[in-house]
Amino acid sequence: ALLGAQLVITLVMVSLIQKISPHFSFARWILCSTG
C-alpha cells in the first residue's frame, strides 16, 4: 500500500514539475533515483 501511494505521489509530482520545467524535472528524477 505504501509503495503504491509513493508511486502515485511521485507520478503526480513529476507531472507537475514537467509542466513547470522539463530540465528541473529531469534533475529531480535523478536525485530521487539515486536517493
PDB file of N, CA and C in Angstrom:
ATOM      1  N   ALA A   1       0.840  -1.210   0.000  1.00  0.00           N
ATOM      2  CA  ALA A   1       0.000   0.000   0.000  1.00  0.00           C
ATOM      3  C   ALA A   1       0.875   1.260   0.000  1.00  0.00           C
ATOM      4  N   LEU A   2       1.898   1.235   0.849  1.00  0.00           N
ATOM      5  CA  LEU A   2       2.792   2.394   0.930  1.00  0.00           C
ATOM      6  C   LEU A   2       3.508   2.598  -0.395  1.00  0.00           C
ATOM      7  N   LEU A   3       3.950   1.493  -0.999  1.00  0.00           N
ATOM      8  CA  LEU A   3       4.669   1.591  -2.266  1.00  0.00           C
ATOM      9  C   LEU A   3       3.762   2.172  -3.343  1.00  0.00           C
ATOM     10  N   GLY A   4       2.510   1.722  -3.371  1.00  0.00           N
ATOM     11  CA  GLY A   4       1.560   2.229  -4.358  1.00  0.00           C
ATOM     12  C   GLY A   4       1.319   3.720  -4.180  1.00  0.00           C
ATOM     13  N   ALA A   5       1.128   4.144  -2.921  1.00  0.00           N
ATOM     14  CA  ALA A   5       0.886   5.554  -2.627  1.00  0.00           C
ATOM     15  C   ALA A   5       2.096   6.391  -3.029  1.00  0.00           C
ATOM     16  N   GLN A   6       3.291   5.877  -2.716  1.00  0.00           N
ATOM     17  CA  GLN A   6       4.518   6.606  -3.045  1.00  0.00           C
ATOM     18  C   GLN A   6       4.638   6.762  -4.559  1.00  0.00           C
ATOM     19  N   LEU A   7       4.273   5.699  -5.289  1.00  0.00           N
ATOM     20  CA  LEU A   7       4.354   5.740  -6.745  1.00  0.00           C
ATOM     21  C   LEU A   7       3.415   6.798  -7.309  1.00  0.00           C
ATOM     22  N   VAL A   8       2.188   6.838  -6.786  1.00  0.00           N
ATOM     23  CA  VAL A   8       1.199   7.819  -7.247  1.00  0.00           C
ATOM     24  C   VAL A   8       1.685   9.238  -6.978  1.00  0.00           C
ATOM     25  N   ILE A   9       2.179   9.477  -5.758  1.00  0.00           N
ATOM     26  CA  ILE A   9       2.680  10.806  -5.392  1.00  0.00           C
ATOM     27  C   ILE A   9       3.841  11.204  -6.299  1.00  0.00           C
ATOM     28  N   THR A  10       4.740  10.244  -6.562  1.00  0.00           N
ATOM     29  CA  THR A  10       5.895  10.517  -7.420  1.00  0.00           C
ATOM     30  C   THR A  10       5.435  10.914  -8.820  1.00  0.00           C
ATOM     31  N   LEU A  11       4.499  10.151  -9.366  1.00  0.00           N
ATOM     32  CA  LEU A  11       3.997  10.436 -10.713  1.00  0.00           C
ATOM     33  C   LEU A  11       3.346  11.816 -10.774  1.00  0.00           C
ATOM     34  N   VAL A  12       2.565  12.150  -9.754  1.00  0.00           N
ATOM     35  CA  VAL A  12       1.889  13.454  -9.716  1.00  0.00           C
ATOM     36  C   VAL A  12       2.910  14.582  -9.660  1.00  0.00           C
ATOM     37  N   MET A  13       3.895  14.438  -8.781  1.00  0.00           N
ATOM     38  CA  MET A  13       4.919  15.480  -8.638  1.00  0.00           C
ATOM     39  C   MET A  13       5.714  15.630  -9.924  1.00  0.00           C
ATOM     40  N   VAL A  14       6.069  14.502 -10.536  1.00  0.00           N
ATOM     41  CA  VAL A  14       6.823  14.537 -11.792  1.00  0.00           C
ATOM     42  C   VAL A  14       6.022  15.268 -12.866  1.00  0.00           C
ATOM     43  N   SER A  15       4.738  14.977 -12.942  1.00  0.00           N
ATOM     44  CA  SER A  15       3.875  15.621 -13.938  1.00  0.00           C
ATOM     45  C   SER A  15       3.828  17.131 -13.723  1.00  0.00           C
ATOM     46  N   LEU A  16       3.663  17.546 -12.468  1.00  0.00           N
ATOM     47  CA  LEU A  16       3.601  18.975 -12.148  1.00  0.00           C
ATOM     48  C   LEU A  16       4.922  19.660 -12.472  1.00  0.00           C
ATOM     49  N   ILE A  17       6.027  19.019 -12.091  1.00  0.00           N
ATOM     50  CA  ILE A  17       7.350  19.605 -12.323  1.00  0.00           C
ATOM     51  C   ILE A  17       7.630  19.702 -13.821  1.00  0.00           C
ATOM     52  N   GLN A  18       7.216  18.676 -14.585  1.00  0.00           N
ATOM     53  CA  GLN A  18       7.440  18.695 -16.029  1.00  0.00           C
ATOM     54  C   GLN A  18       6.733  19.886 -16.663  1.00  0.00           C
ATOM     55  N   LYS A  19       5.544  20.214 -16.158  1.00  0.00           N
ATOM     56  CA  LYS A  19       4.793  21.352 -16.684  1.00  0.00           C
ATOM     57  C   LYS A  19       5.522  22.653 -16.377  1.00  0.00           C
ATOM     58  N   ILE A  20       6.233  22.689 -15.235  1.00  0.00           N
ATOM     59  CA  ILE A  20       6.953  23.893 -14.829  1.00  0.00           C
ATOM     60  C   ILE A  20       8.283  24.000 -15.570  1.00  0.00           C
ATOM     61  N   SER A  21       9.070  22.923 -15.513  1.00  0.00           N
ATOM     62  CA  SER A  21      10.380  22.943 -16.157  1.00  0.00           C
ATOM     63  C   SER A  21      10.901  21.530 -16.395  1.00  0.00           C
ATOM     64  N   PRO A  22      10.967  21.096 -17.657  1.00  0.00           N
ATOM     65  CA  PRO A  22      11.451  19.757 -18.001  1.00  0.00           C
ATOM     66  C   PRO A  22      12.851  19.490 -17.476  1.00  0.00           C
ATOM     67  N   HIS A  23      13.727  20.498 -17.526  1.00  0.00           N
ATOM     68  CA  HIS A  23      15.101  20.316 -17.068  1.00  0.00           C
ATOM     69  C   HIS A  23      15.131  20.053 -15.574  1.00  0.00           C
ATOM     70  N   PHE A  24      14.347  20.819 -14.823  1.00  0.00           N
ATOM     71  CA  PHE A  24      14.287  20.650 -13.375  1.00  0.00           C
ATOM     72  C   PHE A  24      13.716  19.279 -13.044  1.00  0.00           C
ATOM     73  N   SER A  25      12.730  18.847 -13.855  1.00  0.00           N
ATOM     74  CA  SER A  25      12.095  17.549 -13.642  1.00  0.00           C
ATOM     75  C   SER A  25      13.125  16.433 -13.808  1.00  0.00           C
ATOM     76  N   PHE A  26      13.938  16.547 -14.854  1.00  0.00           N
ATOM     77  CA  PHE A  26      14.955  15.532 -15.127  1.00  0.00           C
ATOM     78  C   PHE A  26      15.959  15.456 -13.992  1.00  0.00           C
ATOM     79  N   ALA A  27      16.404  16.621 -13.512  1.00  0.00           N
ATOM     80  CA  ALA A  27      17.358  16.674 -12.404  1.00  0.00           C
ATOM     81  C   ALA A  27      16.725  16.101 -11.146  1.00  0.00           C
ATOM     82  N   ARG A  28      15.475  16.442 -10.910  1.00  0.00           N
ATOM     83  CA  ARG A  28      14.752  15.965  -9.733  1.00  0.00           C
ATOM     84  C   ARG A  28      14.626  14.442  -9.783  1.00  0.00           C
ATOM     85  N   TRP A  29      14.338  13.914 -10.966  1.00  0.00           N
ATOM     86  CA  TRP A  29      14.171  12.469 -11.136  1.00  0.00           C
ATOM     87  C   TRP A  29      15.481  11.755 -10.795  1.00  0.00           C
ATOM     88  N   ILE A  30      16.626  12.314 -11.252  1.00  0.00           N
ATOM     89  CA  ILE A  30      17.937  11.717 -10.971  1.00  0.00           C
ATOM     90  C   ILE A  30      18.188  11.718  -9.471  1.00  0.00           C
ATOM     91  N   LEU A  31      17.891  12.840  -8.806  1.00  0.00           N
ATOM     92  CA  LEU A  31      18.106  12.935  -7.358  1.00  0.00           C
ATOM     93  C   LEU A  31      17.261  11.904  -6.628  1.00  0.00           C
ATOM     94  N   CYS A  32      16.010  11.738  -7.050  1.00  0.00           N
ATOM     95  CA  CYS A  32      15.107  10.776  -6.407  1.00  0.00           C
ATOM     96  C   CYS A  32      15.575   9.353  -6.678  1.00  0.00           C
ATOM     97  N   SER A  33      16.069   9.095  -7.879  1.00  0.00           N
ATOM     98  CA  SER A  33      16.508   7.747  -8.241  1.00  0.00           C
ATOM     99  C   SER A  33      17.745   7.349  -7.449  1.00  0.00           C
ATOM    100  N   THR A  34      18.697   8.274  -7.313  1.00  0.00           N
ATOM    101  CA  THR A  34      19.932   7.979  -6.590  1.00  0.00           C
ATOM    102  C   THR A  34      19.662   7.957  -5.093  1.00  0.00           C
ATOM    103  N   GLY A  35      18.641   8.699  -4.669  1.00  0.00           N
ATOM    104  CA  GLY A  35      18.178   8.691  -3.289  1.00  0.00           C
ATOM    105  C   GLY A  35      19.240   9.037  -2.304  1.00  0.00           C
TER     106      GLY A  35
END
